[in-house]
Amino acid sequence: MSALPLVFGPDPVFRKKAKSVETVDDNIRELIADMFETLYQEQGAGIGANMVGVLKRIIVIDLKEGGEKQPLAMINPEILQASTETQIFEEASLSFPGISAKIERPSRVTVRFLDEQGEQRELDAEGFLSAVIQHEMDYLEGRTFLDHLSRVKRDGLLRKYRKLWR
């Protein structure tokens, strides 16, 4: 396992849709292990494969609840159901360091995905986990959390981001 380099915005990879994983094999499992290594090194809650420059439909999440690692890898995740009830969390991204914004999303989602053995699973997620799943899945669709903002708010945050990293 080795950490992969993060891609930083704005990069064209964040506007591209990730491709479905056809076969869950040792190469995919190695990519997932490397993504987790990156996640832990960067002390994040989740990453989509686009964030390490790979256009595959994979996200990894670990909220480390209670201080314990609880890794969750989702291959080809698909939201089956989303609540009409919403919640707002302050969201940020390892690929856009130094900026964050309040984002409103459904408070509960049901997600179907393949696990690291290629087995189909479903997960009912709510609260922060639901927000993280939706945030990371946005990357797979060629979107970022900034796309949930008004143009004025998004442009202001991007100006701030560019100033921070000059």
Protein backbone atom coordinates (compact mmCIF):
# COMPACT_ATOMS: atom_id res chain seq x y z
CA MET A 1 0.00 0.00 0.00
CA SER A 2 1.18 3.46 -0.80
CA ALA A 3 -0.53 6.81 -0.70
CA LEU A 4 -1.45 8.30 -4.05
CA PRO A 5 -0.89 11.98 -4.86
CA LEU A 6 -4.01 14.11 -4.58
CA VAL A 7 -5.21 16.13 -7.54
CA PHE A 8 -5.97 19.74 -6.64
CA GLY A 9 -8.68 21.90 -8.13
CA PRO A 10 -9.43 23.32 -10.44
CA ASP A 11 -8.31 20.36 -12.56
CA PRO A 12 -10.17 19.01 -15.62
CA VAL A 13 -10.49 15.58 -13.93
CA PHE A 14 -13.17 17.08 -11.66
CA ARG A 15 -15.43 17.66 -14.68
CA LYS A 16 -15.16 14.12 -16.01
CA LYS A 17 -17.50 11.24 -15.21
CA ALA A 18 -15.83 8.18 -13.75
CA LYS A 19 -16.29 4.86 -15.55
CA SER A 20 -17.91 1.82 -13.96
CA VAL A 21 -15.65 -0.91 -12.63
CA GLU A 22 -16.31 -4.03 -14.70
CA THR A 23 -14.42 -6.56 -12.56
CA VAL A 24 -13.44 -6.35 -8.91
CA ASP A 25 -9.98 -7.89 -8.97
CA ASP A 26 -6.64 -7.55 -7.18
CA ASN A 27 -5.83 -4.36 -9.12
CA ILE A 28 -9.04 -2.72 -7.88
CA ARG A 29 -8.40 -3.94 -4.33
CA GLU A 30 -4.87 -2.50 -4.50
CA LEU A 31 -6.25 0.83 -5.75
CA ILE A 32 -8.73 0.85 -2.85
CA ALA A 33 -5.94 0.09 -0.34
CA ASP A 34 -3.88 2.95 -1.81
CA MET A 35 -6.90 5.27 -1.65
CA PHE A 36 -7.36 4.42 2.03
CA GLU A 37 -3.66 5.08 2.62
CA THR A 38 -4.12 8.50 1.00
CA LEU A 39 -7.25 9.16 3.05
CA TYR A 40 -5.46 8.38 6.32
CA GLN A 41 -2.33 10.32 5.36
CA GLU A 42 -4.43 13.40 4.52
CA GLN A 43 -6.72 12.90 7.55
CA GLY A 44 -9.89 13.13 5.51
CA ALA A 45 -13.32 11.53 5.86
CA GLY A 46 -13.59 10.28 2.27
CA ILE A 47 -12.19 10.45 -1.23
CA GLY A 48 -13.48 9.67 -4.69
CA ALA A 49 -11.12 8.06 -7.19
CA ASN A 50 -11.14 11.26 -9.30
CA MET A 51 -9.37 12.99 -6.41
CA VAL A 52 -6.31 10.79 -7.04
CA GLY A 53 -6.63 11.15 -10.82
CA VAL A 54 -8.36 7.81 -11.46
CA LEU A 55 -11.62 7.84 -13.43
CA LYS A 56 -13.16 4.75 -11.82
CA ARG A 57 -16.41 4.68 -9.85
CA ILE A 58 -14.86 4.06 -6.43
CA ILE A 59 -15.16 5.97 -3.16
CA VAL A 60 -13.55 5.23 0.19
CA ILE A 61 -14.82 6.58 3.49
CA ASP A 62 -13.74 6.31 7.10
CA LEU A 63 -15.43 8.52 9.68
CA LYS A 64 -13.26 6.95 12.43
CA GLU A 65 -16.16 7.04 14.87
CA GLY A 66 -15.00 6.53 18.42
CA GLY A 67 -11.41 6.91 17.22
CA GLU A 68 -11.50 3.47 15.58
CA LYS A 69 -10.91 2.93 11.87
CA GLN A 70 -14.09 1.84 10.12
CA PRO A 71 -13.15 1.71 6.43
CA LEU A 72 -15.95 1.57 3.88
CA ALA A 73 -15.17 1.11 0.18
CA MET A 74 -17.93 1.48 -2.40
CA ILE A 75 -17.45 0.35 -5.98
CA ASN A 76 -20.00 1.59 -8.54
CA PRO A 77 -22.13 3.29 -5.85
CA GLU A 78 -25.65 4.21 -6.86
CA ILE A 79 -28.21 6.11 -4.79
CA LEU A 80 -31.46 4.15 -4.87
CA GLN A 81 -33.42 6.43 -2.60
CA ALA A 82 -32.93 9.85 -1.03
CA SER A 83 -35.08 11.45 1.65
CA THR A 84 -37.02 14.62 0.99
CA GLU A 85 -35.86 15.78 4.42
CA THR A 86 -32.59 17.68 4.12
CA GLN A 87 -29.65 18.63 6.31
CA ILE A 88 -26.87 21.17 6.07
CA PHE A 89 -23.22 20.43 6.79
CA GLU A 90 -20.12 22.57 6.38
CA GLU A 91 -18.32 20.74 3.57
CA ALA A 92 -14.72 20.96 2.46
CA SER A 93 -12.46 18.91 0.21
CA LEU A 94 -8.91 17.63 0.36
CA SER A 95 -8.68 18.66 -3.31
CA PHE A 96 -9.73 22.26 -2.54
CA PRO A 97 -7.86 22.94 0.72
CA GLY A 98 -8.60 26.10 2.67
CA ILE A 99 -12.20 26.65 1.60
CA SER A 100 -15.53 25.27 2.78
CA ALA A 101 -19.24 25.97 2.44
CA LYS A 102 -22.56 25.01 3.94
CA ILE A 103 -24.20 22.48 1.61
CA GLU A 104 -27.79 21.22 1.80
CA ARG A 105 -28.34 17.57 0.88
CA PRO A 106 -30.87 14.81 1.60
CA SER A 107 -30.43 13.66 5.19
CA ARG A 108 -30.83 9.96 4.35
CA VAL A 109 -29.85 7.87 1.34
CA THR A 110 -29.97 4.21 0.40
CA VAL A 111 -26.92 3.24 -1.64
CA ARG A 112 -26.28 0.08 -3.66
CA PHE A 113 -22.63 -0.77 -4.36
CA LEU A 114 -20.11 -3.56 -4.73
CA ASP A 115 -17.76 -4.31 -1.85
CA GLU A 116 -14.08 -5.27 -2.21
CA GLN A 117 -15.05 -8.89 -2.90
CA GLY A 118 -17.39 -7.85 -5.69
CA GLU A 119 -20.50 -8.63 -3.61
CA GLN A 120 -23.52 -6.37 -4.06
CA ARG A 121 -24.49 -4.52 -0.89
CA GLU A 122 -27.02 -1.92 0.17
CA LEU A 123 -26.51 0.63 2.90
CA ASP A 124 -28.96 2.99 4.55
CA ALA A 125 -26.98 6.06 5.60
CA GLU A 126 -28.06 9.13 7.50
CA GLY A 127 -26.52 12.21 9.04
CA PHE A 128 -22.84 12.89 8.41
CA LEU A 129 -22.27 9.53 6.66
CA SER A 130 -25.04 10.35 4.19
CA ALA A 131 -23.46 13.74 3.46
CA VAL A 132 -19.99 12.23 2.96
CA ILE A 133 -21.29 9.55 0.60
CA GLN A 134 -23.12 12.15 -1.52
CA HIS A 135 -20.11 14.49 -1.46
CA GLU A 136 -17.74 11.77 -2.71
CA MET A 137 -20.23 10.47 -5.27
CA ASP A 138 -20.41 13.99 -6.74
CA TYR A 139 -16.77 13.60 -7.79
CA LEU A 140 -17.65 10.45 -9.73
CA GLU A 141 -20.29 12.45 -11.63
CA GLY A 142 -17.92 15.26 -12.60
CA ARG A 143 -19.11 17.63 -9.86
CA THR A 144 -17.67 19.06 -6.67
CA PHE A 145 -19.31 20.48 -3.54
CA LEU A 146 -18.82 23.95 -5.07
CA ASP A 147 -21.36 23.10 -7.77
CA HIS A 148 -24.10 23.13 -5.12
CA LEU A 149 -23.53 26.86 -4.54
CA SER A 150 -24.80 29.93 -6.33
CA ARG A 151 -22.43 31.26 -8.99
CA VAL A 152 -21.60 34.31 -6.82
CA LYS A 153 -20.75 32.20 -3.76
CA ARG A 154 -18.78 29.64 -5.84
CA ASP A 155 -16.78 32.33 -7.66
CA GLY A 156 -15.99 34.05 -4.36
CA LEU A 157 -14.71 30.83 -2.81
CA LEU A 158 -12.63 30.01 -5.89
CA ARG A 159 -11.05 33.49 -5.77
CA LYS A 160 -10.20 32.90 -2.10
CA TYR A 161 -8.80 29.46 -2.95
CA ARG A 162 -6.57 30.84 -5.73
CA LYS A 163 -5.25 33.57 -3.42
CA LEU A 164 -4.41 31.00 -0.74
CA TRP A 165 -2.37 28.88 -3.15
CA ARG A 166 -0.46 31.52 -5.10
